[in-house]
Amino acid sequence: MEAILLAIYAFFVWLIFIKFKWLPWNTTSQVIVVIIPVVGLTALILLLNVYAPSSSDVRVYKYTVPIVSQVRGRVVEVAVEEGNRLVKKGDVLFRVDPTPYQWTVDQLEAQLLSTKASQRELDESLKQAQGKVVETGRAIEQAAGRTREVEAKLGLARLRVDQNRELASTGAGSKFDLERSETDLKEIEAQLDSARAVQAQARAAEIQARAAAEQIRQKLSARTGEGEFAQVAAIRAQLESARWELTQTTVRSPCDCYVVNLQLRPGGFVAGMPFNAVMTLVEAEGQIVAMYHQNELHEVRPGDEAEFALETYPGRIVKAKVDSVVWAQGQGQLPPSGTLPMTGVFAQPPGRFAVKFDVAERDRELFLAAGAAGHAAIYTEHLAAIHVIRKVILRVGSYLNWLILKLH
């Protein structure tokens, strides 16, 4: 652009001083003719670098996603190909043989049903044990009543034996009545022993029933916070984990990406290790970053118009806006350590700051290769009249990208 301006200036000098000789061509005019372009171009370049700064270090950065299988097994299908083919989010990347994981799911589902049945059986057993406790309690009451009844009869039989013995000793009663009353006493004593044995058996049965109920209650007491049987909850958790592993046998794309570094083939084996990536995805959308010297950015604001030209698209200008200025760089970082910072020993060159661009809507669908480089320009809100010069310089440089200067 500077050469074009100088050529135009030289043309007008030739017209004025040589062709039409409107002004004399002497030492004074010659000095003035030389000074004007030097001063003018210097001022123009200085103003452009402040109000329309440019950068020759523009990069396209894209995040990469290494794909690692969550499960291990034999690969039965690879559904993508490496290259410039967009893979949508949710598309299948590859599949691992799901057979062993399906077997695990089926086995745990059967265990879950069996454990639920066992829980229902324990619930029924608890009800039966509680009913048995009630039944033995009633049997104890009946045995106690029978014992009290026999004890009352026993007291009456002893009284009769005493009366008959007294009558027999005085001759007022018969010996037969005495023997009969003694026989009745022995029978009632035998009945009392039997009643007490029944009562003891009932108490033993009650203790046994209470122990059985308590044992079942302890088994059922292991429950989760939601009231589910602990063993059922444990198997359910294992089942959910097995189902999740079954779903992971089909690996899907986490983003709109392009597949690179595809090393997987059907029949291969994936180990399910986090450091064993089988392919790499490059995100379709990237970040456009330009590096600027620190003193070029004091007039730059988010939202300022910007343009950049990439070497991958000769002659094309991509419209953008300034998204933000990253006011940080590695030289301003002090990592935590026990060593005091050192200054003045090694003079480091001043760093540059990154400016992030937001691509305009008209160029959103343009494919931007990761790592593509080029030139960029920012147009601030001041001195808009000179922005056209920067635009021309940027476009001329973009068209020069058509030239491939190599001999082989």
Protein backbone atom coordinates (compact mmCIF):
# COMPACT_ATOMS: atom_id res chain seq x y z
CA MET A 1 0.00 0.00 0.00
CA GLU A 2 2.85 2.36 0.80
CA ALA A 3 4.31 1.74 -2.66
CA ILE A 4 0.98 2.59 -4.28
CA LEU A 5 0.74 5.83 -2.32
CA LEU A 6 4.30 6.73 -3.28
CA ALA A 7 3.54 5.98 -6.93
CA ILE A 8 0.48 8.23 -6.86
CA TYR A 9 2.48 10.95 -5.13
CA ALA A 10 5.30 10.65 -7.67
CA PHE A 11 2.78 10.93 -10.51
CA PHE A 12 1.42 14.20 -9.18
CA VAL A 13 4.96 15.54 -8.60
CA TRP A 14 5.77 14.72 -12.20
CA LEU A 15 2.67 16.51 -13.44
CA ILE A 16 3.22 19.61 -11.32
CA PHE A 17 7.00 20.05 -11.64
CA ILE A 18 7.96 18.30 -14.87
CA LYS A 19 4.98 18.03 -17.21
CA PHE A 20 3.18 21.34 -16.72
CA LYS A 21 5.95 23.12 -14.74
CA TRP A 22 3.46 24.88 -12.52
CA LEU A 23 6.15 25.17 -9.85
CA PRO A 24 9.92 25.55 -10.24
CA TRP A 25 12.00 22.41 -9.80
CA ASN A 26 14.83 23.73 -7.62
CA THR A 27 16.65 22.69 -4.47
CA THR A 28 13.92 23.97 -2.13
CA SER A 29 11.09 22.24 -3.99
CA GLN A 30 13.12 19.04 -4.22
CA VAL A 31 13.68 18.99 -0.43
CA ILE A 32 10.00 19.65 0.19
CA VAL A 33 8.98 16.90 -2.26
CA VAL A 34 11.18 14.41 -0.40
CA ILE A 35 10.15 15.48 3.13
CA ILE A 36 6.38 15.40 2.50
CA PRO A 37 6.09 11.62 1.76
CA VAL A 38 8.52 10.72 4.52
CA VAL A 39 6.59 12.67 7.15
CA GLY A 40 3.22 11.70 5.72
CA LEU A 41 3.93 7.99 5.53
CA THR A 42 5.49 7.99 9.00
CA ALA A 43 2.47 9.72 10.51
CA LEU A 44 0.11 7.44 8.59
CA ILE A 45 1.84 4.26 9.75
CA LEU A 46 1.95 5.46 13.37
CA LEU A 47 -1.76 6.33 13.32
CA LEU A 48 -2.67 3.04 11.65
CA ASN A 49 -0.79 1.03 14.28
CA VAL A 50 -2.78 2.78 17.00
CA TYR A 51 -6.31 3.10 15.54
CA ALA A 52 -6.25 0.17 13.10
CA PRO A 53 -3.67 -2.23 14.57
CA SER A 54 -2.70 -5.30 12.59
CA SER A 55 -1.22 -8.66 13.50
CA SER A 56 0.71 -11.13 11.40
CA ASP A 57 0.22 -13.88 14.00
CA VAL A 58 -3.36 -15.11 13.68
CA ARG A 59 -4.15 -18.68 14.66
CA VAL A 60 -7.20 -20.93 14.58
CA TYR A 61 -7.38 -22.93 17.79
CA LYS A 62 -9.74 -25.86 18.30
CA TYR A 63 -10.26 -28.11 21.28
CA THR A 64 -9.59 -31.79 20.79
CA VAL A 65 -11.46 -34.61 22.52
CA PRO A 66 -9.61 -37.91 22.92
CA ILE A 67 -12.07 -40.78 22.78
CA VAL A 68 -11.49 -43.56 25.29
CA SER A 69 -13.72 -46.59 25.68
CA GLN A 70 -15.38 -46.87 29.09
CA VAL A 71 -15.57 -50.66 28.76
CA ARG A 72 -13.26 -53.35 27.48
CA GLY A 73 -13.99 -55.81 24.73
CA ARG A 74 -13.81 -56.64 21.05
CA VAL A 75 -14.79 -53.92 18.56
CA VAL A 76 -17.55 -55.11 16.25
CA GLU A 77 -18.18 -51.89 14.28
CA VAL A 78 -16.43 -48.61 13.48
CA ALA A 79 -19.10 -46.25 12.16
CA VAL A 80 -16.93 -43.24 11.20
CA GLU A 81 -14.09 -42.50 8.85
CA GLU A 82 -11.13 -40.23 9.25
CA GLY A 83 -11.09 -37.06 7.20
CA ASN A 84 -13.01 -33.85 6.59
CA ARG A 85 -16.39 -35.37 7.42
CA LEU A 86 -18.45 -33.73 10.12
CA VAL A 87 -19.69 -36.04 12.87
CA LYS A 88 -22.76 -34.70 14.66
CA LYS A 89 -23.20 -34.84 18.41
CA GLY A 90 -24.76 -38.18 19.33
CA ASP A 91 -23.64 -40.03 16.19
CA VAL A 92 -22.25 -43.53 16.75
CA LEU A 93 -18.44 -43.72 16.65
CA PHE A 94 -17.90 -47.42 17.31
CA ARG A 95 -19.47 -50.39 19.05
CA VAL A 96 -17.98 -52.97 21.40
CA ASP A 97 -19.35 -56.51 21.60
CA PRO A 98 -22.21 -56.18 24.15
CA THR A 99 -22.72 -59.93 24.76
CA PRO A 100 -20.86 -60.31 28.12
CA TYR A 101 -22.40 -57.09 29.44
CA GLN A 102 -25.89 -58.27 28.44
CA TRP A 103 -25.25 -61.51 30.31
CA THR A 104 -24.32 -59.56 33.43
CA VAL A 105 -27.51 -57.50 33.16
CA ASP A 106 -29.66 -60.63 32.76
CA GLN A 107 -27.97 -62.30 35.74
CA LEU A 108 -28.47 -59.29 38.01
CA GLU A 109 -32.09 -58.91 36.94
CA ALA A 110 -32.68 -62.54 37.97
CA GLN A 111 -30.91 -61.94 41.30
CA LEU A 112 -33.03 -58.87 41.89
CA LEU A 113 -36.24 -60.81 41.33
CA SER A 114 -35.01 -63.62 43.60
CA THR A 115 -34.02 -61.18 46.36
CA LYS A 116 -37.38 -59.41 46.14
CA ALA A 117 -39.09 -62.79 46.49
CA SER A 118 -36.91 -63.57 49.51
CA GLN A 119 -37.87 -60.24 51.03
CA ARG A 120 -41.54 -61.02 50.57
CA GLU A 121 -40.98 -64.42 52.18
CA LEU A 122 -39.28 -62.75 55.13
CA ASP A 123 -42.21 -60.35 55.47
CA GLU A 124 -44.63 -63.31 55.52
CA SER A 125 -42.40 -65.19 57.97
CA LEU A 126 -42.37 -62.15 60.26
CA LYS A 127 -46.15 -62.00 60.20
CA GLN A 128 -46.32 -65.72 60.99
CA ALA A 129 -43.77 -65.35 63.80
CA GLN A 130 -45.69 -62.43 65.28
CA GLY A 131 -48.89 -64.50 65.07
CA LYS A 132 -47.07 -67.35 66.78
CA VAL A 133 -46.03 -65.00 69.59
CA VAL A 134 -49.66 -63.98 70.07
CA GLU A 135 -50.79 -67.62 69.96
CA THR A 136 -48.24 -68.73 72.55
CA GLY A 137 -49.27 -65.83 74.77
CA ARG A 138 -52.84 -67.06 74.69
CA ALA A 139 -51.66 -70.62 75.40
CA ILE A 140 -49.74 -69.33 78.44
CA GLU A 141 -52.86 -67.59 79.70
CA GLN A 142 -54.91 -70.75 79.22
CA ALA A 143 -52.25 -72.88 80.95
CA ALA A 144 -52.05 -70.42 83.83
CA GLY A 145 -55.83 -70.51 84.21
CA ARG A 146 -55.83 -74.30 84.18
CA THR A 147 -53.05 -74.31 86.80
CA ARG A 148 -55.01 -71.99 89.07
CA GLU A 149 -58.11 -74.16 88.65
CA VAL A 150 -56.22 -77.35 89.54
CA GLU A 151 -54.53 -75.61 92.49
CA ALA A 152 -57.99 -74.69 93.83
CA LYS A 153 -59.17 -78.30 93.46
CA LEU A 154 -55.97 -79.48 95.12
CA GLY A 155 -56.63 -77.32 98.17
CA LEU A 156 -60.17 -78.68 98.44
CA ALA A 157 -58.93 -82.30 98.04
CA ARG A 158 -56.38 -81.83 100.83
CA LEU A 159 -59.08 -80.43 103.05
CA ARG A 160 -61.28 -83.48 102.43
CA VAL A 161 -58.38 -85.84 103.13
CA ASP A 162 -57.79 -84.11 106.47
CA GLN A 163 -61.49 -84.27 107.35
CA ASN A 164 -61.83 -87.96 106.41
CA ARG A 165 -58.67 -88.83 108.34
CA GLU A 166 -60.03 -87.08 111.44
CA LEU A 167 -63.41 -88.82 111.13
CA ALA A 168 -61.77 -92.19 110.56
CA SER A 169 -59.62 -91.76 113.67
CA THR A 170 -62.71 -91.10 115.85
CA GLY A 171 -64.66 -93.87 114.19
CA ALA A 172 -67.22 -91.43 112.80
CA GLY A 173 -66.14 -91.95 109.20
CA SER A 174 -65.33 -94.94 107.05
CA LYS A 175 -61.89 -95.97 105.96
CA PHE A 176 -63.17 -96.24 102.39
CA ASP A 177 -63.98 -92.55 102.22
CA LEU A 178 -60.49 -91.74 103.47
CA GLU A 179 -58.81 -93.88 100.85
CA ARG A 180 -61.06 -92.43 98.11
CA SER A 181 -60.21 -88.85 99.14
CA GLU A 182 -56.50 -89.68 99.17
CA THR A 183 -56.79 -91.19 95.67
CA ASP A 184 -58.57 -88.04 94.44
CA LEU A 185 -55.79 -85.94 95.98
CA LYS A 186 -53.13 -87.86 94.12
CA GLU A 187 -55.05 -87.49 90.84
CA ILE A 188 -55.40 -83.73 91.33
CA GLU A 189 -51.69 -83.44 92.18
CA ALA A 190 -50.91 -85.28 88.94
CA GLN A 191 -53.23 -82.85 87.08
CA LEU A 192 -51.40 -79.91 88.65
CA ASP A 193 -48.03 -81.24 87.54
CA SER A 194 -49.43 -81.71 84.04
CA ALA A 195 -50.89 -78.16 83.98
CA ARG A 196 -47.60 -76.69 85.16
CA ALA A 197 -45.73 -78.68 82.47
CA VAL A 198 -48.13 -77.33 79.83
CA GLN A 199 -47.59 -73.80 81.14
CA ALA A 200 -43.79 -74.24 80.99
CA GLN A 201 -44.03 -75.58 77.44
CA ALA A 202 -46.16 -72.58 76.46
CA ARG A 203 -43.61 -70.19 77.94
CA ALA A 204 -40.79 -72.00 76.10
CA ALA A 205 -42.79 -71.80 72.87
CA GLU A 206 -43.33 -68.08 73.45
CA ILE A 207 -39.59 -67.49 73.99
CA GLN A 208 -38.83 -69.45 70.83
CA ALA A 209 -41.45 -67.53 68.82
CA ARG A 210 -40.16 -64.17 70.05
CA ALA A 211 -36.57 -65.16 69.17
CA ALA A 212 -37.63 -66.21 65.67
CA ALA A 213 -39.55 -62.95 65.16
CA GLU A 214 -36.60 -60.90 66.40
CA GLN A 215 -34.22 -62.73 64.07
CA ILE A 216 -36.46 -62.03 61.06
CA ARG A 217 -36.91 -58.42 62.19
CA GLN A 218 -33.14 -57.96 62.31
CA LYS A 219 -32.83 -59.28 58.76
CA LEU A 220 -35.50 -56.87 57.61
CA SER A 221 -34.09 -53.94 59.59
CA ALA A 222 -31.21 -53.47 57.07
CA ARG A 223 -32.99 -50.94 54.86
CA THR A 224 -31.97 -47.84 52.95
CA GLY A 225 -33.19 -44.33 53.64
CA GLU A 226 -36.02 -44.87 51.16
CA GLY A 227 -37.24 -47.96 53.01
CA GLU A 228 -35.89 -50.47 50.50
CA PHE A 229 -34.37 -53.73 51.65
CA ALA A 230 -30.57 -53.27 51.75
CA GLN A 231 -29.80 -56.42 49.79
CA VAL A 232 -32.33 -55.43 47.13
CA ALA A 233 -30.82 -51.93 46.97
CA ALA A 234 -27.31 -53.36 46.57
CA ILE A 235 -28.33 -55.61 43.70
CA ARG A 236 -30.31 -52.79 42.11
CA ALA A 237 -27.20 -50.56 42.22
CA GLN A 238 -25.13 -53.33 40.62
CA LEU A 239 -27.83 -53.71 37.98
CA GLU A 240 -27.81 -49.99 37.18
CA SER A 241 -24.03 -50.09 36.87
CA ALA A 242 -24.23 -53.11 34.56
CA ARG A 243 -26.89 -51.40 32.43
CA TRP A 244 -24.70 -48.29 32.19
CA GLU A 245 -21.75 -50.41 31.08
CA LEU A 246 -24.02 -52.04 28.49
CA THR A 247 -24.92 -48.61 27.08
CA GLN A 248 -21.23 -47.72 26.95
CA THR A 249 -20.60 -50.51 24.46
CA THR A 250 -22.00 -48.02 21.93
CA VAL A 251 -19.70 -44.98 21.92
CA ARG A 252 -21.24 -41.76 20.60
CA SER A 253 -19.75 -38.41 19.65
CA PRO A 254 -19.86 -35.81 22.47
CA CYS A 255 -19.79 -32.86 20.04
CA ASP A 256 -19.98 -31.70 16.44
CA CYS A 257 -16.46 -32.72 15.47
CA TYR A 258 -14.13 -34.06 12.84
CA VAL A 259 -12.40 -37.42 13.32
CA VAL A 260 -8.61 -37.50 13.25
CA ASN A 261 -6.04 -40.03 14.38
CA LEU A 262 -8.46 -42.91 13.84
CA GLN A 263 -6.53 -46.03 14.86
CA LEU A 264 -9.48 -48.31 15.58
CA ARG A 265 -10.62 -51.12 13.28
CA PRO A 266 -13.31 -53.81 13.59
CA GLY A 267 -11.87 -56.79 15.42
CA GLY A 268 -9.56 -54.66 17.54
CA PHE A 269 -9.63 -54.79 21.31
CA VAL A 270 -10.23 -51.81 23.60
CA ALA A 271 -9.00 -52.03 27.15
CA GLY A 272 -11.20 -49.39 28.82
CA MET A 273 -8.21 -47.45 30.19
CA PRO A 274 -8.25 -43.63 30.41
CA PHE A 275 -4.86 -43.24 28.71
CA ASN A 276 -5.66 -45.54 25.78
CA ALA A 277 -7.35 -43.18 23.28
CA VAL A 278 -8.57 -44.91 20.12
CA MET A 279 -9.31 -41.73 18.14
CA THR A 280 -9.29 -37.98 18.48
CA LEU A 281 -12.13 -35.57 17.70
CA VAL A 282 -11.51 -31.97 16.68
CA GLU A 283 -14.37 -29.59 17.42
CA ALA A 284 -16.05 -28.05 14.39
CA GLU A 285 -16.11 -24.59 15.93
CA GLY A 286 -12.84 -23.05 16.98
CA GLN A 287 -11.38 -19.85 18.36
CA ILE A 288 -9.69 -17.19 16.29
CA VAL A 289 -6.86 -15.58 18.23
CA ALA A 290 -4.46 -12.86 17.14
CA MET A 291 -1.35 -11.82 19.06
CA TYR A 292 -0.71 -8.08 19.49
CA HIS A 293 2.02 -6.09 21.15
CA GLN A 294 0.97 -4.52 24.42
CA ASN A 295 1.05 -0.89 23.25
CA GLU A 296 -1.21 -1.66 20.27
CA LEU A 297 -4.28 -2.46 22.35
CA HIS A 298 -4.99 0.64 24.44
CA GLU A 299 -7.70 1.79 21.97
CA VAL A 300 -9.16 -1.66 21.28
CA ARG A 301 -12.57 -2.43 22.82
CA PRO A 302 -14.85 -5.50 22.69
CA GLY A 303 -17.22 -5.15 19.77
CA ASP A 304 -14.77 -3.33 17.48
CA GLU A 305 -14.90 -4.36 13.84
CA ALA A 306 -12.18 -6.77 12.76
CA GLU A 307 -11.09 -8.67 9.67
CA PHE A 308 -8.64 -11.47 9.11
CA ALA A 309 -7.24 -13.33 6.14
CA LEU A 310 -6.06 -16.92 6.36
CA GLU A 311 -3.49 -18.51 4.12
CA THR A 312 -5.84 -21.44 3.59
CA TYR A 313 -8.28 -19.08 1.77
CA PRO A 314 -6.27 -16.83 -0.55
CA GLY A 315 -8.12 -13.67 -1.55
CA ARG A 316 -10.88 -14.08 1.05
CA ILE A 317 -11.49 -11.69 3.93
CA VAL A 318 -13.35 -13.04 6.94
CA LYS A 319 -15.41 -10.52 8.87
CA ALA A 320 -15.38 -10.58 12.68
CA LYS A 321 -15.69 -8.54 15.84
CA VAL A 322 -13.45 -8.30 18.86
CA ASP A 323 -14.77 -10.68 21.48
CA SER A 324 -12.26 -9.89 24.22
CA VAL A 325 -8.66 -9.12 24.99
CA VAL A 326 -6.94 -11.74 27.14
CA TRP A 327 -5.08 -9.49 29.54
CA ALA A 328 -2.82 -12.22 30.85
CA GLN A 329 0.22 -14.12 29.73
CA GLY A 330 2.79 -16.51 31.14
CA GLN A 331 5.33 -13.85 32.07
CA GLY A 332 2.85 -12.39 34.55
CA GLN A 333 2.39 -15.64 36.45
CA LEU A 334 4.13 -16.49 39.71
CA PRO A 335 3.76 -20.19 40.43
CA PRO A 336 3.54 -21.09 44.12
CA SER A 337 6.92 -22.15 45.44
CA GLY A 338 9.34 -21.49 48.27
CA THR A 339 11.67 -19.51 46.01
CA LEU A 340 11.55 -15.73 45.96
CA PRO A 341 10.91 -14.12 42.54
CA MET A 342 14.09 -13.00 40.76
CA THR A 343 14.21 -9.75 38.80
CA GLY A 344 16.94 -8.17 36.75
CA VAL A 345 18.95 -11.34 36.18
CA PHE A 346 17.56 -12.35 32.79
CA ALA A 347 15.83 -9.57 30.94
CA GLN A 348 12.83 -11.13 29.23
CA PRO A 349 11.40 -9.50 26.12
CA PRO A 350 7.97 -7.88 26.55
CA GLY A 351 5.19 -10.34 25.88
CA ARG A 352 2.16 -10.02 23.67
CA PHE A 353 -1.51 -10.34 24.52
CA ALA A 354 -4.10 -12.41 22.71
CA VAL A 355 -7.23 -10.93 21.15
CA LYS A 356 -10.15 -13.30 20.58
CA PHE A 357 -12.41 -12.72 17.57
CA ASP A 358 -16.07 -13.56 17.11
CA VAL A 359 -16.66 -14.53 13.46
CA ALA A 360 -19.51 -12.67 11.74
CA GLU A 361 -22.71 -14.49 10.88
CA ARG A 362 -22.02 -14.52 7.14
CA ASP A 363 -18.79 -16.51 7.64
CA ARG A 364 -19.97 -18.87 10.41
CA GLU A 365 -20.28 -21.81 8.02
CA LEU A 366 -16.76 -21.34 6.68
CA PHE A 367 -14.51 -24.27 7.53
CA LEU A 368 -11.58 -23.06 9.61
CA ALA A 369 -8.78 -25.58 9.82
CA ALA A 370 -7.17 -26.02 13.23
CA GLY A 371 -3.76 -24.37 13.16
CA ALA A 372 -4.49 -22.16 10.14
CA ALA A 373 -2.47 -18.92 10.21
CA GLY A 374 -2.87 -15.51 8.65
CA HIS A 375 -3.11 -11.75 9.20
CA ALA A 376 -5.72 -9.67 11.02
CA ALA A 377 -6.70 -6.05 11.52
CA ILE A 378 -8.84 -4.31 14.13
CA TYR A 379 -10.72 -1.10 13.33
CA THR A 380 -11.30 1.03 16.40
CA GLU A 381 -13.91 3.77 16.76
CA HIS A 382 -11.39 6.55 16.05
CA LEU A 383 -10.05 7.94 12.74
CA ALA A 384 -12.31 5.81 10.56
CA ALA A 385 -11.04 7.67 7.48
CA ILE A 386 -7.71 5.86 7.55
CA HIS A 387 -9.23 2.41 8.11
CA VAL A 388 -9.61 2.01 4.36
CA ILE A 389 -5.82 2.00 4.01
CA ARG A 390 -5.52 -0.92 6.46
CA LYS A 391 -8.31 -2.74 4.61
CA VAL A 392 -6.52 -2.32 1.30
CA ILE A 393 -3.24 -3.57 2.84
CA LEU A 394 -5.00 -6.61 4.29
CA ARG A 395 -6.69 -7.45 0.98
CA VAL A 396 -3.52 -7.04 -1.03
CA GLY A 397 -1.74 -9.41 1.38
CA SER A 398 -4.60 -11.89 1.08
CA TYR A 399 -4.35 -11.94 -2.72
CA LEU A 400 -0.60 -12.43 -2.46
CA ASN A 401 -1.37 -15.77 -0.78
CA TRP A 402 -2.15 -17.09 -4.24
CA LEU A 403 1.57 -16.94 -4.95
CA ILE A 404 3.36 -20.15 -4.01
CA LEU A 405 7.04 -19.24 -4.07
CA LYS A 406 8.96 -22.49 -4.08
CA LEU A 407 11.05 -24.26 -6.71
CA HIS A 408 10.10 -27.87 -5.98
